[in-house]
N, C-alpha and C. Protein backbone atom coordinates (compact mmCIF):
# COMPACT_ATOMS: atom_id res chain seq x y z
N MET A 1 70.24 110.88 89.21
CA MET A 1 70.63 109.61 89.80
C MET A 1 71.81 109.86 90.73
N SER A 2 71.84 109.16 91.84
CA SER A 2 72.93 109.34 92.81
C SER A 2 74.25 108.81 92.27
N LEU A 3 75.32 109.24 92.92
CA LEU A 3 76.66 108.80 92.55
C LEU A 3 76.76 107.28 92.58
N GLU A 4 76.31 106.69 93.68
CA GLU A 4 76.38 105.23 93.85
C GLU A 4 75.54 104.52 92.79
N LYS A 5 74.31 104.95 92.60
CA LYS A 5 73.43 104.29 91.62
C LYS A 5 74.00 104.42 90.21
N SER A 6 74.58 105.56 89.91
CA SER A 6 75.18 105.76 88.59
C SER A 6 76.33 104.80 88.36
N ALA A 7 77.19 104.63 89.37
CA ALA A 7 78.33 103.72 89.25
C ALA A 7 77.86 102.28 89.07
N PHE A 8 76.87 101.87 89.85
CA PHE A 8 76.35 100.50 89.73
C PHE A 8 75.71 100.30 88.36
N ALA A 9 74.93 101.28 87.89
CA ALA A 9 74.24 101.14 86.60
C ALA A 9 75.21 101.08 85.44
N VAL A 10 76.20 101.97 85.41
CA VAL A 10 77.14 102.00 84.29
C VAL A 10 78.03 100.76 84.29
N ARG A 11 78.29 100.19 85.45
CA ARG A 11 79.10 98.97 85.53
C ARG A 11 78.51 97.87 84.66
N GLU A 12 77.20 97.82 84.56
CA GLU A 12 76.54 96.80 83.75
C GLU A 12 76.88 96.94 82.27
N ASN A 13 77.27 98.15 81.84
CA ASN A 13 77.61 98.39 80.44
C ASN A 13 79.08 98.16 80.13
N ALA A 14 79.87 97.80 81.13
CA ALA A 14 81.31 97.60 80.91
C ALA A 14 81.54 96.57 79.81
N TYR A 15 82.56 96.82 79.02
CA TYR A 15 82.96 95.89 77.97
C TYR A 15 84.21 95.18 78.47
N ALA A 16 84.01 93.99 79.03
CA ALA A 16 85.11 93.25 79.65
C ALA A 16 85.11 91.78 79.22
N PRO A 17 85.17 91.51 77.90
CA PRO A 17 85.10 90.12 77.44
C PRO A 17 86.35 89.30 77.75
N TYR A 18 87.45 89.94 78.10
CA TYR A 18 88.70 89.22 78.33
C TYR A 18 88.93 88.93 79.81
N SER A 19 88.68 89.90 80.66
CA SER A 19 88.89 89.70 82.10
C SER A 19 87.59 89.34 82.82
N ASN A 20 86.46 89.66 82.25
CA ASN A 20 85.16 89.51 82.91
C ASN A 20 85.12 90.28 84.23
N PHE A 21 85.90 91.33 84.34
CA PHE A 21 85.97 92.16 85.54
C PHE A 21 85.39 93.53 85.21
N LYS A 22 84.09 93.67 85.46
CA LYS A 22 83.38 94.90 85.14
C LYS A 22 83.54 95.91 86.28
N VAL A 23 83.88 97.14 85.91
CA VAL A 23 84.05 98.21 86.88
C VAL A 23 83.19 99.39 86.45
N GLY A 24 82.55 100.02 87.44
CA GLY A 24 81.79 101.24 87.19
C GLY A 24 82.33 102.34 88.08
N ALA A 25 82.37 103.54 87.57
CA ALA A 25 82.82 104.69 88.36
C ALA A 25 81.92 105.88 88.06
N ALA A 26 81.73 106.69 89.08
CA ALA A 26 80.98 107.93 88.90
C ALA A 26 81.70 109.03 89.67
N VAL A 27 81.71 110.21 89.08
CA VAL A 27 82.29 111.37 89.73
C VAL A 27 81.23 112.46 89.83
N LEU A 28 81.27 113.19 90.91
CA LEU A 28 80.38 114.33 91.10
C LEU A 28 81.19 115.58 90.82
N SER A 29 80.72 116.37 89.88
CA SER A 29 81.46 117.58 89.52
C SER A 29 81.14 118.70 90.51
N GLU A 30 81.98 119.71 90.48
CA GLU A 30 81.78 120.88 91.33
C GLU A 30 80.43 121.52 91.02
N GLY A 31 79.98 121.39 89.78
CA GLY A 31 78.70 121.95 89.38
C GLY A 31 77.50 121.12 89.81
N GLY A 32 77.75 119.95 90.43
CA GLY A 32 76.67 119.13 90.95
C GLY A 32 76.16 118.05 90.00
N THR A 33 76.84 117.85 88.89
CA THR A 33 76.42 116.83 87.92
C THR A 33 77.21 115.56 88.14
N VAL A 34 76.53 114.42 87.99
CA VAL A 34 77.18 113.11 88.09
C VAL A 34 77.55 112.65 86.69
N TYR A 35 78.82 112.22 86.54
CA TYR A 35 79.32 111.66 85.29
C TYR A 35 79.79 110.25 85.58
N ALA A 36 79.44 109.31 84.69
CA ALA A 36 79.77 107.91 84.92
C ALA A 36 80.61 107.35 83.79
N GLY A 37 81.38 106.32 84.12
CA GLY A 37 82.19 105.63 83.13
C GLY A 37 82.39 104.18 83.52
N CYS A 38 82.62 103.33 82.54
CA CYS A 38 82.87 101.92 82.80
C CYS A 38 84.15 101.51 82.07
N ASN A 39 84.72 100.41 82.49
CA ASN A 39 85.93 99.95 81.81
C ASN A 39 85.57 99.41 80.43
N VAL A 40 86.47 99.65 79.49
CA VAL A 40 86.30 99.21 78.11
C VAL A 40 87.60 98.52 77.71
N GLU A 41 87.56 97.20 77.63
CA GLU A 41 88.76 96.43 77.30
C GLU A 41 89.00 96.37 75.80
N ASN A 42 90.19 95.94 75.47
CA ASN A 42 90.60 95.78 74.09
C ASN A 42 91.49 94.55 74.06
N ILE A 43 91.48 93.79 73.00
CA ILE A 43 92.31 92.60 72.91
C ILE A 43 93.78 92.93 73.13
N ALA A 44 94.19 94.14 72.76
CA ALA A 44 95.54 94.62 73.06
C ALA A 44 95.43 95.29 74.43
N TYR A 45 95.59 94.50 75.50
CA TYR A 45 95.30 94.92 76.87
C TYR A 45 95.67 96.36 77.25
N PRO A 46 96.84 96.84 76.95
CA PRO A 46 97.15 98.21 77.41
C PRO A 46 96.29 99.29 76.77
N GLU A 47 95.56 98.93 75.74
CA GLU A 47 94.77 99.92 75.02
C GLU A 47 93.37 100.10 75.59
N GLY A 48 93.03 99.41 76.64
CA GLY A 48 91.72 99.55 77.27
C GLY A 48 91.62 100.86 78.03
N THR A 49 90.41 101.13 78.51
CA THR A 49 90.15 102.35 79.28
C THR A 49 89.53 101.96 80.61
N CYS A 50 90.03 102.55 81.68
CA CYS A 50 89.50 102.30 83.02
C CYS A 50 88.20 103.08 83.22
N ALA A 51 87.37 102.60 84.12
CA ALA A 51 86.10 103.25 84.43
C ALA A 51 86.29 104.67 84.92
N GLU A 52 87.27 104.88 85.79
CA GLU A 52 87.51 106.22 86.34
C GLU A 52 87.89 107.20 85.23
N ALA A 53 88.74 106.75 84.31
CA ALA A 53 89.14 107.59 83.19
C ALA A 53 87.94 107.94 82.32
N GLY A 54 87.03 106.99 82.13
CA GLY A 54 85.83 107.24 81.35
C GLY A 54 84.92 108.27 81.99
N ALA A 55 84.77 108.20 83.31
CA ALA A 55 83.93 109.17 84.02
C ALA A 55 84.55 110.56 83.95
N ILE A 56 85.86 110.64 84.12
CA ILE A 56 86.55 111.93 84.04
C ILE A 56 86.43 112.50 82.62
N ALA A 57 86.59 111.65 81.62
CA ALA A 57 86.48 112.12 80.23
C ALA A 57 85.09 112.67 79.95
N ALA A 58 84.06 112.02 80.48
CA ALA A 58 82.69 112.51 80.28
C ALA A 58 82.51 113.88 80.95
N MET A 59 83.10 114.05 82.13
CA MET A 59 83.01 115.32 82.85
C MET A 59 83.70 116.43 82.05
N VAL A 60 84.91 116.15 81.59
CA VAL A 60 85.66 117.15 80.83
C VAL A 60 84.97 117.45 79.51
N ALA A 61 84.43 116.43 78.85
CA ALA A 61 83.72 116.64 77.59
C ALA A 61 82.50 117.54 77.77
N ALA A 62 81.94 117.53 78.97
CA ALA A 62 80.78 118.38 79.27
C ALA A 62 81.20 119.79 79.68
N GLY A 63 82.51 120.03 79.75
CA GLY A 63 83.00 121.37 80.05
C GLY A 63 83.34 121.62 81.51
N GLU A 64 83.38 120.56 82.32
CA GLU A 64 83.71 120.73 83.73
C GLU A 64 85.09 120.14 84.00
N THR A 65 85.81 120.71 84.95
CA THR A 65 87.18 120.25 85.23
C THR A 65 87.47 120.08 86.71
N LYS A 66 86.45 120.04 87.55
CA LYS A 66 86.66 119.87 88.98
C LYS A 66 85.68 118.83 89.50
N LEU A 67 86.21 117.79 90.17
CA LEU A 67 85.32 116.80 90.78
C LEU A 67 85.40 116.93 92.30
N THR A 68 84.31 116.58 92.96
CA THR A 68 84.24 116.73 94.41
C THR A 68 84.03 115.42 95.14
N GLU A 69 83.63 114.39 94.41
CA GLU A 69 83.40 113.08 95.03
C GLU A 69 83.51 112.00 93.97
N VAL A 70 83.91 110.80 94.40
CA VAL A 70 84.12 109.67 93.49
C VAL A 70 83.53 108.41 94.11
N PHE A 71 82.94 107.55 93.26
CA PHE A 71 82.44 106.25 93.70
C PHE A 71 82.86 105.22 92.66
N VAL A 72 83.52 104.14 93.10
CA VAL A 72 84.00 103.08 92.21
C VAL A 72 83.48 101.74 92.72
N VAL A 73 82.93 100.92 91.81
CA VAL A 73 82.39 99.62 92.22
C VAL A 73 82.81 98.52 91.24
N ALA A 74 83.07 97.34 91.80
CA ALA A 74 83.40 96.15 91.00
C ALA A 74 82.98 94.92 91.77
N ASP A 75 82.89 93.80 91.08
CA ASP A 75 82.57 92.52 91.69
C ASP A 75 83.87 91.90 92.19
N SER A 76 84.22 92.21 93.41
CA SER A 76 85.45 91.71 94.00
C SER A 76 85.19 91.38 95.47
N LYS A 77 86.08 90.60 96.07
CA LYS A 77 85.90 90.23 97.47
C LYS A 77 85.94 91.44 98.40
N GLN A 78 86.81 92.38 98.07
CA GLN A 78 86.90 93.61 98.84
C GLN A 78 86.75 94.79 97.89
N PRO A 79 86.45 95.96 98.39
CA PRO A 79 86.30 97.11 97.49
C PRO A 79 87.52 97.28 96.60
N VAL A 80 87.25 97.57 95.33
CA VAL A 80 88.31 97.69 94.34
C VAL A 80 88.90 99.10 94.38
N SER A 81 90.20 99.16 94.28
CA SER A 81 90.91 100.43 94.31
C SER A 81 91.31 100.83 92.89
N PRO A 82 91.26 102.12 92.57
CA PRO A 82 91.71 102.56 91.25
C PRO A 82 93.19 102.23 91.04
N CYS A 83 93.56 101.97 89.80
CA CYS A 83 94.96 101.73 89.48
C CYS A 83 95.76 103.01 89.72
N GLY A 84 97.05 102.92 89.68
CA GLY A 84 97.91 104.07 89.93
C GLY A 84 97.65 105.21 88.96
N GLY A 85 97.49 104.89 87.68
CA GLY A 85 97.23 105.93 86.69
C GLY A 85 95.92 106.65 86.96
N CYS A 86 94.90 105.91 87.34
CA CYS A 86 93.60 106.54 87.62
C CYS A 86 93.64 107.34 88.91
N ARG A 87 94.44 106.90 89.87
CA ARG A 87 94.60 107.71 91.09
C ARG A 87 95.15 109.08 90.72
N GLN A 88 96.16 109.10 89.85
CA GLN A 88 96.73 110.38 89.43
C GLN A 88 95.72 111.19 88.63
N LYS A 89 94.93 110.54 87.79
CA LYS A 89 93.89 111.25 87.03
C LYS A 89 92.87 111.87 87.98
N LEU A 90 92.44 111.12 88.99
CA LEU A 90 91.48 111.64 89.96
C LEU A 90 92.07 112.82 90.72
N ALA A 91 93.35 112.71 91.08
CA ALA A 91 94.02 113.80 91.79
C ALA A 91 94.11 115.06 90.94
N GLU A 92 94.22 114.89 89.64
CA GLU A 92 94.31 116.03 88.72
C GLU A 92 93.06 116.90 88.79
N PHE A 93 91.91 116.27 88.96
CA PHE A 93 90.64 116.99 88.91
C PHE A 93 89.97 117.15 90.27
N GLY A 94 90.51 116.50 91.29
CA GLY A 94 90.00 116.65 92.64
C GLY A 94 91.03 117.37 93.48
N ASP A 95 90.86 117.30 94.79
CA ASP A 95 91.88 117.84 95.69
C ASP A 95 92.10 116.85 96.82
N LYS A 96 92.96 117.18 97.74
CA LYS A 96 93.34 116.22 98.79
C LYS A 96 92.16 115.81 99.65
N ASP A 97 91.12 116.64 99.74
CA ASP A 97 89.96 116.33 100.58
C ASP A 97 88.81 115.68 99.82
N THR A 98 88.98 115.45 98.53
CA THR A 98 87.93 114.81 97.73
C THR A 98 87.62 113.44 98.32
N VAL A 99 86.35 113.16 98.54
CA VAL A 99 85.92 111.88 99.11
C VAL A 99 85.86 110.83 98.01
N VAL A 100 86.49 109.68 98.28
CA VAL A 100 86.52 108.56 97.34
C VAL A 100 85.94 107.35 98.05
N THR A 101 84.86 106.78 97.49
CA THR A 101 84.26 105.58 98.05
C THR A 101 84.50 104.42 97.11
N LEU A 102 85.05 103.35 97.66
CA LEU A 102 85.32 102.12 96.91
C LEU A 102 84.32 101.09 97.40
N ALA A 103 83.76 100.30 96.49
CA ALA A 103 82.70 99.37 96.87
C ALA A 103 82.79 98.07 96.10
N ASN A 104 82.15 97.04 96.68
CA ASN A 104 81.95 95.79 95.94
C ASN A 104 80.44 95.53 95.85
N LEU A 105 80.07 94.47 95.17
CA LEU A 105 78.65 94.18 94.96
C LEU A 105 77.95 93.64 96.20
N ASP A 106 78.73 93.26 97.21
CA ASP A 106 78.16 92.71 98.45
C ASP A 106 77.84 93.78 99.48
N GLY A 107 78.02 95.04 99.14
CA GLY A 107 77.68 96.12 100.05
C GLY A 107 78.83 96.60 100.92
N VAL A 108 80.02 96.05 100.73
CA VAL A 108 81.18 96.50 101.49
C VAL A 108 81.66 97.82 100.91
N ARG A 109 81.87 98.80 101.76
CA ARG A 109 82.30 100.13 101.34
C ARG A 109 83.57 100.53 102.10
N LEU A 110 84.42 101.26 101.43
CA LEU A 110 85.62 101.82 102.04
C LEU A 110 85.68 103.27 101.56
N THR A 111 85.60 104.22 102.48
CA THR A 111 85.61 105.63 102.12
C THR A 111 86.87 106.28 102.66
N MET A 112 87.49 107.08 101.81
CA MET A 112 88.72 107.77 102.17
C MET A 112 88.81 109.08 101.41
N THR A 113 89.84 109.84 101.70
CA THR A 113 90.08 111.07 100.95
C THR A 113 91.07 110.78 99.83
N MET A 114 91.16 111.70 98.90
CA MET A 114 92.12 111.56 97.81
C MET A 114 93.54 111.49 98.37
N ALA A 115 93.83 112.27 99.40
CA ALA A 115 95.16 112.26 100.02
C ALA A 115 95.49 110.89 100.60
N GLU A 116 94.49 110.20 101.11
CA GLU A 116 94.71 108.85 101.64
C GLU A 116 94.88 107.84 100.51
N LEU A 117 94.14 108.04 99.42
CA LEU A 117 94.23 107.13 98.28
C LEU A 117 95.55 107.30 97.54
N LEU A 118 96.04 108.54 97.45
CA LEU A 118 97.29 108.81 96.73
C LEU A 118 98.14 109.80 97.53
N PRO A 119 98.77 109.31 98.58
CA PRO A 119 99.64 110.22 99.34
C PRO A 119 100.82 110.67 98.49
N GLY A 120 101.21 111.90 98.66
CA GLY A 120 102.35 112.42 97.90
C GLY A 120 102.08 112.58 96.43
N ALA A 121 100.82 112.83 96.06
CA ALA A 121 100.45 112.94 94.64
C ALA A 121 101.30 113.98 93.93
N PHE A 122 101.66 113.69 92.70
CA PHE A 122 102.38 114.65 91.85
C PHE A 122 101.38 115.73 91.46
N GLY A 123 101.74 116.98 91.67
CA GLY A 123 100.82 118.07 91.38
C GLY A 123 101.50 119.24 90.71
N SER A 124 100.70 120.26 90.42
CA SER A 124 101.23 121.43 89.73
C SER A 124 102.30 122.14 90.54
N ASP A 125 102.27 122.00 91.87
CA ASP A 125 103.30 122.63 92.69
C ASP A 125 104.68 122.03 92.41
N HIS A 126 104.74 120.81 91.89
CA HIS A 126 106.01 120.20 91.51
C HIS A 126 106.58 120.81 90.23
N MET A 127 105.74 121.50 89.49
CA MET A 127 106.13 122.08 88.21
C MET A 127 106.53 123.55 88.34
N ASP A 128 106.77 124.01 89.55
CA ASP A 128 107.13 125.39 89.82
C ASP A 128 108.32 125.80 88.96
N ALA A 129 108.13 126.79 88.12
CA ALA A 129 109.17 127.23 87.17
C ALA A 129 110.44 127.69 87.86
N ASP A 130 110.35 128.21 89.09
CA ASP A 130 111.53 128.67 89.81
C ASP A 130 112.52 127.54 90.09
N HIS A 131 112.03 126.32 90.10
CA HIS A 131 112.89 125.19 90.44
C HIS A 131 113.35 124.39 89.22
N GLN A 132 112.86 124.72 88.04
CA GLN A 132 113.19 123.95 86.84
C GLN A 132 114.58 124.23 86.32
N ASP A 133 115.19 125.34 86.73
CA ASP A 133 116.51 125.69 86.22
C ASP A 133 117.65 125.14 87.07
N ARG A 134 117.33 124.39 88.11
CA ARG A 134 118.37 123.83 88.96
C ARG A 134 119.13 122.72 88.25
N ASP A 135 120.40 122.60 88.57
CA ASP A 135 121.24 121.53 87.98
C ASP A 135 121.13 120.28 88.79
């Protein structure tokens, strides 16, 4: 199944009884496999899981750690953007050139790179051991 079709299909399985805002996400791994995830809410709001995090978790659970493309869809007036935490999660497993497509149910699409979605992303280069001993 294509990235887009996977995101649309998994969105239908979202558990969103509190917000009624269903989100579907799919990531394409470096190995060519599509992994999908949907948002899963919880009455204790901060304990829910975003669709992007679910797709990444499925990819990692399958033994893959590199994504090459992302598709996110929700029923919104304009394409829905991943939250800040999910942007960082996507950056962890993608790179600055990873293509991210945001979509709504009306066919509106917005495509960008990971660098455009999260400019100045925190990365492993910030953890350079040579700089950790500075005062």
